[in-house]
Amino acid sequence: MRVILWVYVLATLVTFAAYAIDKHRAATRRWRIPELHLHLLALIGGWPGALAAMKLIRHKNRKGRFLLVTGAIVLLHAGAWAVYLLRG
C-alpha cells in the first residue's frame, strides 16, 4: 500500500510539472507535450496533479474532449479504489 501511495505522489508531481511546462510552451509557441502523454501521466496515478494544474494554472480546462478523458481517468481510479477498499 505504501508503494502505491508513493507512486501517486510522484506521478502527481510529475504530471503537474508536465502541465506547467506545456502551458509555458504554449505561451511561447514552442513544441508542446502531446495530450496523449498528459493523459498517460494522469492514468498512472497523476490525476490529482492534472486536476490541480487544470484549476491552479488554468491549463487544458476548456477543451471538452480532453476534460472528458481526464474525467474518465479520475472515475476509473475512484472505482478501482472503491473496489480495493470494499474488498478489504
Protein backbone atom coordinates (compact mmCIF):
# COMPACT_ATOMS: atom_id res chain seq x y z
CA MET A 1 0.00 0.00 0.00
CA ARG A 2 2.83 2.38 0.86
CA VAL A 3 4.41 1.88 -2.58
CA ILE A 4 1.11 2.71 -4.28
CA LEU A 5 0.83 5.95 -2.34
CA TRP A 6 4.38 6.94 -3.29
CA VAL A 7 3.57 6.21 -6.95
CA TYR A 8 0.59 8.55 -6.65
CA VAL A 9 2.68 11.29 -5.03
CA LEU A 10 5.46 11.06 -7.60
CA ALA A 11 3.07 10.77 -10.55
CA THR A 12 1.09 13.76 -9.24
CA LEU A 13 4.19 15.95 -9.01
CA VAL A 14 5.45 14.90 -12.45
CA THR A 15 2.02 15.42 -14.01
CA PHE A 16 1.60 18.89 -12.50
CA ALA A 17 5.08 19.82 -13.77
CA ALA A 18 4.26 18.49 -17.25
CA TYR A 19 1.11 20.62 -17.40
CA ALA A 20 3.06 23.69 -16.27
CA ILE A 21 5.77 23.06 -18.88
CA ASP A 22 3.15 22.54 -21.58
CA LYS A 23 1.38 25.78 -20.65
CA HIS A 24 4.67 27.68 -20.79
CA ARG A 25 5.48 26.16 -24.16
CA ALA A 26 2.05 27.10 -25.45
CA ALA A 27 2.58 30.70 -24.37
CA THR A 28 5.99 30.83 -26.07
CA ARG A 29 4.79 28.99 -29.20
CA ARG A 30 7.22 26.11 -28.77
CA TRP A 31 6.89 22.33 -29.12
CA ARG A 32 4.07 21.05 -26.92
CA ILE A 33 3.67 17.90 -24.85
CA PRO A 34 1.19 15.65 -26.68
CA GLU A 35 -2.20 15.33 -24.98
CA LEU A 36 -1.82 11.54 -25.02
CA HIS A 37 1.27 11.87 -22.82
CA LEU A 38 -0.59 14.10 -20.38
CA HIS A 39 -3.39 11.54 -20.23
CA LEU A 40 -0.94 8.68 -19.67
CA LEU A 41 0.63 10.57 -16.77
CA ALA A 42 -2.82 11.03 -15.26
CA LEU A 43 -3.63 7.36 -15.85
CA ILE A 44 -0.57 6.06 -13.99
CA GLY A 45 -1.67 7.96 -10.91
CA GLY A 46 -1.01 11.60 -11.66
CA TRP A 47 -4.66 12.57 -11.96
CA PRO A 48 -4.56 14.72 -8.77
CA GLY A 49 -1.74 16.73 -10.37
CA ALA A 50 -3.72 17.02 -13.58
CA LEU A 51 -6.79 18.33 -11.76
CA ALA A 52 -4.67 20.72 -9.69
CA ALA A 53 -2.92 22.09 -12.78
CA MET A 54 -6.21 22.49 -14.62
CA LYS A 55 -7.55 24.52 -11.68
CA LEU A 56 -4.49 26.41 -10.44
CA ILE A 57 -2.72 27.28 -13.68
CA ARG A 58 -5.84 27.08 -15.86
CA HIS A 59 -4.35 24.74 -18.41
CA LYS A 60 -6.44 22.41 -20.56
CA ASN A 61 -9.59 23.41 -18.71
CA ARG A 62 -11.70 24.38 -21.74
CA LYS A 63 -11.11 21.52 -24.14
CA GLY A 64 -14.22 19.35 -23.99
CA ARG A 65 -12.72 16.08 -25.22
CA PHE A 66 -9.65 16.49 -23.02
CA LEU A 67 -11.87 17.12 -19.98
CA LEU A 68 -13.97 14.08 -20.84
CA VAL A 69 -10.96 11.77 -20.99
CA THR A 70 -9.50 13.25 -17.79
CA GLY A 71 -12.84 12.76 -16.04
CA ALA A 72 -12.95 9.14 -17.20
CA ILE A 73 -9.45 8.58 -15.78
CA VAL A 74 -10.50 10.06 -12.43
CA LEU A 75 -13.60 7.85 -12.34
CA LEU A 76 -11.52 4.81 -13.23
CA HIS A 77 -9.19 5.47 -10.30
CA ALA A 78 -12.08 6.20 -7.94
CA GLY A 79 -13.75 2.96 -8.96
CA ALA A 80 -10.56 0.95 -8.54
CA TRP A 81 -10.04 2.41 -5.04
CA ALA A 82 -13.65 1.67 -4.15
CA VAL A 83 -13.28 -1.96 -5.19
CA TYR A 84 -9.97 -2.27 -3.34
CA LEU A 85 -11.29 -0.72 -0.14
CA LEU A 86 -14.59 -2.59 -0.15
CA ARG A 87 -12.91 -5.95 -0.67
CA GLY A 88 -10.75 -5.28 2.40
